[in-house]
Amino acid sequence: MGRKDQAHDTRPRYKGICPACGGDLYICKSIAQEIGLAPFLGHGICPKCGKFLHLAFNEECQEFDCETWEEYMKKAKGGFGDNGN
């Protein structure tokens, strides 16, 4: 299938910043994030540095909060505290 045969993705993209390399990211919400089921359960790979990232949609600023998967797992193993962070 050639590039011109592919469907054009018209979903909105939201800004995020890779914490590993500082690169700008433009991210679509997952289906779960789109319906509001789990705005904090996203992940992806930075196209600039290849780091695996945890992606949480921030409704207030309409951007993604990004952290490395390692940092996210440290929080998960230690508990997220009273406010869910």
C-alpha atoms as a PDB file:
ATOM      1  CA  MET A   1       0.000   0.000   0.000  1.00  0.00           C
ATOM      2  CA  GLY A   2       1.444   3.358  -1.000  1.00  0.00           C
ATOM      3  CA  ARG A   3       1.442   6.403   1.220  1.00  0.00           C
ATOM      4  CA  LYS A   4      -1.269   8.125  -0.811  1.00  0.00           C
ATOM      5  CA  ASP A   5      -3.556   5.097  -0.247  1.00  0.00           C
ATOM      6  CA  GLN A   6      -3.400   5.442   3.530  1.00  0.00           C
ATOM      7  CA  ALA A   7      -6.228   7.158   5.394  1.00  0.00           C
ATOM      8  CA  HIS A   8      -5.456  10.621   6.744  1.00  0.00           C
ATOM      9  CA  ASP A   9      -5.620  10.673  10.547  1.00  0.00           C
ATOM     10  CA  THR A  10      -7.647  13.715  11.561  1.00  0.00           C
ATOM     11  CA  ARG A  11      -7.654  13.141  15.331  1.00  0.00           C
ATOM     12  CA  PRO A  12      -6.442  16.115  17.413  1.00  0.00           C
ATOM     13  CA  ARG A  13      -2.877  16.006  18.657  1.00  0.00           C
ATOM     14  CA  TYR A  14      -1.759  17.419  21.987  1.00  0.00           C
ATOM     15  CA  LYS A  15       1.672  18.666  22.954  1.00  0.00           C
ATOM     16  CA  GLY A  16       4.001  16.851  25.311  1.00  0.00           C
ATOM     17  CA  ILE A  17       7.719  17.150  26.042  1.00  0.00           C
ATOM     18  CA  CYS A  18      10.027  14.153  26.269  1.00  0.00           C
ATOM     19  CA  PRO A  19      11.713  14.241  29.687  1.00  0.00           C
ATOM     20  CA  ALA A  20      14.710  12.322  28.334  1.00  0.00           C
ATOM     21  CA  CYS A  21      15.690  14.472  25.337  1.00  0.00           C
ATOM     22  CA  GLY A  22      13.488  17.584  25.687  1.00  0.00           C
ATOM     23  CA  GLY A  23      11.948  17.064  22.249  1.00  0.00           C
ATOM     24  CA  ASP A  24       8.451  18.276  21.441  1.00  0.00           C
ATOM     25  CA  LEU A  25       5.882  15.511  20.991  1.00  0.00           C
ATOM     26  CA  TYR A  26       2.432  15.755  19.411  1.00  0.00           C
ATOM     27  CA  ILE A  27       0.294  12.936  20.764  1.00  0.00           C
ATOM     28  CA  CYS A  28      -3.200  11.592  20.031  1.00  0.00           C
ATOM     29  CA  LYS A  29      -5.283  10.346  22.934  1.00  0.00           C
ATOM     30  CA  SER A  30      -5.837   6.594  23.214  1.00  0.00           C
ATOM     31  CA  ILE A  31      -9.399   5.285  22.966  1.00  0.00           C
ATOM     32  CA  ALA A  32      -9.562   4.972  26.781  1.00  0.00           C
ATOM     33  CA  GLN A  33      -8.278   8.541  27.177  1.00  0.00           C
ATOM     34  CA  GLU A  34     -10.709   9.805  24.523  1.00  0.00           C
ATOM     35  CA  ILE A  35     -13.770   8.514  26.421  1.00  0.00           C
ATOM     36  CA  GLY A  36     -12.402   9.651  29.787  1.00  0.00           C
ATOM     37  CA  LEU A  37     -11.992   6.125  31.118  1.00  0.00           C
ATOM     38  CA  ALA A  38      -8.295   6.341  31.949  1.00  0.00           C
ATOM     39  CA  PRO A  39      -6.618   9.683  31.122  1.00  0.00           C
ATOM     40  CA  PHE A  40      -3.492   8.610  33.009  1.00  0.00           C
ATOM     41  CA  LEU A  41      -2.951   5.228  31.288  1.00  0.00           C
ATOM     42  CA  GLY A  42      -1.044   6.051  28.131  1.00  0.00           C
ATOM     43  CA  HIS A  43       2.370   5.099  26.854  1.00  0.00           C
ATOM     44  CA  GLY A  44       4.504   5.512  23.773  1.00  0.00           C
ATOM     45  CA  ILE A  45       8.009   5.869  22.410  1.00  0.00           C
ATOM     46  CA  CYS A  46       9.713   9.197  21.762  1.00  0.00           C
ATOM     47  CA  PRO A  47      10.432   9.347  18.006  1.00  0.00           C
ATOM     48  CA  LYS A  48      13.527  11.450  18.645  1.00  0.00           C
ATOM     49  CA  CYS A  49      15.415   9.446  21.290  1.00  0.00           C
ATOM     50  CA  GLY A  50      13.510   6.142  21.446  1.00  0.00           C
ATOM     51  CA  LYS A  51      12.786   6.349  25.185  1.00  0.00           C
ATOM     52  CA  PHE A  52       9.657   4.500  26.372  1.00  0.00           C
ATOM     53  CA  LEU A  53       7.327   7.007  28.067  1.00  0.00           C
ATOM     54  CA  HIS A  54       4.283   7.093  30.313  1.00  0.00           C
ATOM     55  CA  LEU A  55       1.760   9.618  28.944  1.00  0.00           C
ATOM     56  CA  ALA A  56      -0.987  11.146  31.088  1.00  0.00           C
ATOM     57  CA  PHE A  57      -3.422  13.632  29.583  1.00  0.00           C
ATOM     58  CA  ASN A  58      -3.722  16.868  31.568  1.00  0.00           C
ATOM     59  CA  GLU A  59      -7.260  18.242  31.102  1.00  0.00           C
ATOM     60  CA  GLU A  60      -6.399  21.646  32.618  1.00  0.00           C
ATOM     61  CA  CYS A  61      -3.754  22.603  30.091  1.00  0.00           C
ATOM     62  CA  GLN A  62      -4.876  20.242  27.288  1.00  0.00           C
ATOM     63  CA  GLU A  63      -1.385  18.731  27.013  1.00  0.00           C
ATOM     64  CA  PHE A  64       0.271  15.461  27.909  1.00  0.00           C
ATOM     65  CA  ASP A  65       2.399  15.082  31.022  1.00  0.00           C
ATOM     66  CA  CYS A  66       5.246  12.783  30.037  1.00  0.00           C
ATOM     67  CA  GLU A  67       7.673  10.860  32.196  1.00  0.00           C
ATOM     68  CA  THR A  68      10.083   8.051  31.513  1.00  0.00           C
ATOM     69  CA  TRP A  69       8.694   4.587  32.140  1.00  0.00           C
ATOM     70  CA  GLU A  70      11.396   4.012  34.767  1.00  0.00           C
ATOM     71  CA  GLU A  71      10.245   7.050  36.767  1.00  0.00           C
ATOM     72  CA  TYR A  72       6.617   5.995  36.462  1.00  0.00           C
ATOM     73  CA  MET A  73       7.441   2.484  37.718  1.00  0.00           C
ATOM     74  CA  LYS A  74       9.385   3.877  40.692  1.00  0.00           C
ATOM     75  CA  LYS A  75       6.250   5.786  41.694  1.00  0.00           C
ATOM     76  CA  ALA A  76       4.062   2.725  41.121  1.00  0.00           C
ATOM     77  CA  LYS A  77       6.260   0.505  43.299  1.00  0.00           C
ATOM     78  CA  GLY A  78       6.446   3.130  46.038  1.00  0.00           C
ATOM     79  CA  GLY A  79       2.777   4.041  45.874  1.00  0.00           C
ATOM     80  CA  PHE A  80       1.293   7.124  44.287  1.00  0.00           C
ATOM     81  CA  GLY A  81       0.465   9.046  47.450  1.00  0.00           C
ATOM     82  CA  ASP A  82      -2.874  10.511  48.454  1.00  0.00           C
ATOM     83  CA  ASN A  83      -3.448  12.596  45.315  1.00  0.00           C
ATOM     84  CA  GLY A  84      -2.892   9.850  42.720  1.00  0.00           C
ATOM     85  CA  ASN A  85       0.460  11.230  41.523  1.00  0.00           C
END
